[in-house]
Amino acid sequence: MNQTDLWTVVTIVCMALLSVITRCFFFLSSHPWPMPAWLQRGLHYAPIAALAAVIVPEMVMSQGHLISTWQDARIFAVAAGLAWFYWKRGMLGIIIVGMAVYLPLHVGLGW
């Protein structure tokens, strides 16, 4: 049987406590915490920045290297999604159009 050492247990407990404290920090005070206008403006861009940080490397890199061939289905799917965005500006349409281009190229042609 695998045994967990004390250091691992302490680390897990401390990480859980830190997570709970940081997420509940604003509930501990009975007074509202005013945010400056620049911070409120900046927080509007946080979701798209996080999404871009996760998605963009997957679109332009393959196994840690930049895509070096034009026969990659992701390039055409991204181009089709961008075209849809500039034409209609609908997020669901971007996903549908991108996948409609990606799947036949990836599955059908093996790109």
Protein backbone atom coordinates (compact mmCIF):
# COMPACT_ATOMS: atom_id res chain seq x y z
CA MET A 1 0.00 0.00 0.00
CA ASN A 2 1.12 3.52 -0.70
CA GLN A 3 1.66 5.68 2.33
CA THR A 4 1.50 9.45 2.28
CA ASP A 5 4.20 11.18 4.24
CA LEU A 6 3.52 13.98 6.71
CA TRP A 7 5.06 16.67 4.48
CA THR A 8 2.56 15.93 1.69
CA VAL A 9 -0.41 16.06 4.07
CA VAL A 10 0.76 19.36 5.59
CA THR A 11 1.26 20.84 2.13
CA ILE A 12 -2.23 19.82 0.98
CA VAL A 13 -3.86 21.19 4.14
CA CYS A 14 -1.95 24.49 3.92
CA MET A 15 -2.84 24.92 0.26
CA ALA A 16 -6.52 24.24 1.02
CA LEU A 17 -6.52 26.76 3.88
CA LEU A 18 -4.79 29.37 1.76
CA SER A 19 -7.30 28.84 -1.02
CA VAL A 20 -10.27 29.19 1.35
CA ILE A 21 -8.85 32.28 3.05
CA THR A 22 -8.06 34.09 -0.19
CA ARG A 23 -11.45 33.31 -1.70
CA CYS A 24 -13.37 34.32 1.44
CA PHE A 25 -11.22 37.34 2.32
CA PHE A 26 -13.76 39.88 1.07
CA PHE A 27 -16.57 38.25 3.06
CA LEU A 28 -14.73 38.69 6.35
CA SER A 29 -15.19 42.47 6.40
CA SER A 30 -18.57 44.11 7.01
CA HIS A 31 -17.52 47.26 5.14
CA PRO A 32 -17.48 47.49 1.34
CA TRP A 33 -14.08 47.69 -0.30
CA PRO A 34 -14.10 50.43 -2.92
CA MET A 35 -12.07 49.72 -6.02
CA PRO A 36 -10.44 52.47 -8.04
CA ALA A 37 -11.88 53.08 -11.50
CA TRP A 38 -8.69 51.86 -13.24
CA LEU A 39 -8.96 48.51 -11.42
CA GLN A 40 -12.62 48.09 -12.35
CA ARG A 41 -11.78 48.85 -15.99
CA GLY A 42 -8.91 46.38 -15.89
CA LEU A 43 -11.06 43.61 -14.44
CA HIS A 44 -13.33 43.80 -17.50
CA TYR A 45 -10.43 42.46 -19.58
CA ALA A 46 -9.42 39.65 -17.21
CA PRO A 47 -11.65 36.90 -18.69
CA ILE A 48 -10.56 37.50 -22.28
CA ALA A 49 -6.91 37.73 -21.22
CA ALA A 50 -7.14 34.42 -19.38
CA LEU A 51 -8.89 32.78 -22.33
CA ALA A 52 -6.27 34.09 -24.73
CA ALA A 53 -3.46 32.83 -22.50
CA VAL A 54 -4.92 29.33 -22.64
CA ILE A 55 -6.16 29.17 -26.25
CA VAL A 56 -3.59 31.10 -28.32
CA PRO A 57 -0.61 28.80 -27.62
CA GLU A 58 -2.71 25.82 -28.69
CA MET A 59 -3.59 27.53 -31.96
CA VAL A 60 -0.05 28.50 -33.00
CA MET A 61 2.15 25.82 -31.43
CA SER A 62 2.51 22.09 -31.84
CA GLN A 63 4.53 20.09 -29.29
CA GLY A 64 6.34 23.20 -28.06
CA HIS A 65 7.28 24.55 -31.50
CA LEU A 66 5.58 27.06 -33.75
CA ILE A 67 3.55 25.58 -36.59
CA SER A 68 5.90 25.38 -39.56
CA THR A 69 3.61 24.01 -42.27
CA TRP A 70 0.52 25.38 -43.96
CA GLN A 71 -1.06 21.90 -43.80
CA ASP A 72 -2.36 22.37 -40.28
CA ALA A 73 -6.11 22.43 -39.81
CA ARG A 74 -5.84 24.87 -36.90
CA ILE A 75 -4.58 27.67 -39.16
CA PHE A 76 -7.62 27.44 -41.44
CA ALA A 77 -10.03 27.04 -38.51
CA VAL A 78 -8.66 30.17 -36.84
CA ALA A 79 -8.85 32.10 -40.12
CA ALA A 80 -12.47 31.03 -40.62
CA GLY A 81 -13.33 31.92 -37.02
CA LEU A 82 -11.74 35.36 -37.38
CA ALA A 83 -13.62 35.94 -40.63
CA TRP A 84 -16.89 35.04 -38.90
CA PHE A 85 -16.06 37.36 -36.01
CA TYR A 86 -15.47 40.32 -38.30
CA TRP A 87 -18.60 39.50 -40.29
CA LYS A 88 -21.18 38.66 -37.60
CA ARG A 89 -19.46 39.09 -34.17
CA GLY A 90 -21.17 36.04 -32.69
CA MET A 91 -19.20 33.84 -30.29
CA LEU A 92 -21.26 30.70 -30.96
CA GLY A 93 -20.80 31.23 -34.68
CA ILE A 94 -17.03 31.44 -34.25
CA ILE A 95 -17.00 28.06 -32.53
CA ILE A 96 -19.31 26.43 -35.08
CA VAL A 97 -17.49 27.83 -38.13
CA GLY A 98 -14.07 27.04 -36.69
CA MET A 99 -15.04 23.45 -35.93
CA ALA A 100 -16.79 23.08 -39.30
CA VAL A 101 -13.49 23.93 -40.97
CA TYR A 102 -11.22 22.10 -38.52
CA LEU A 103 -12.94 18.71 -38.37
CA PRO A 104 -12.98 17.88 -42.10
CA LEU A 105 -9.37 18.99 -42.51
CA HIS A 106 -8.15 17.17 -39.40
CA VAL A 107 -10.21 13.99 -39.64
CA GLY A 108 -10.74 13.82 -43.38
CA LEU A 109 -7.31 14.88 -44.66
CA GLY A 110 -5.32 14.00 -41.55
CA TRP A 111 -3.81 17.46 -41.14
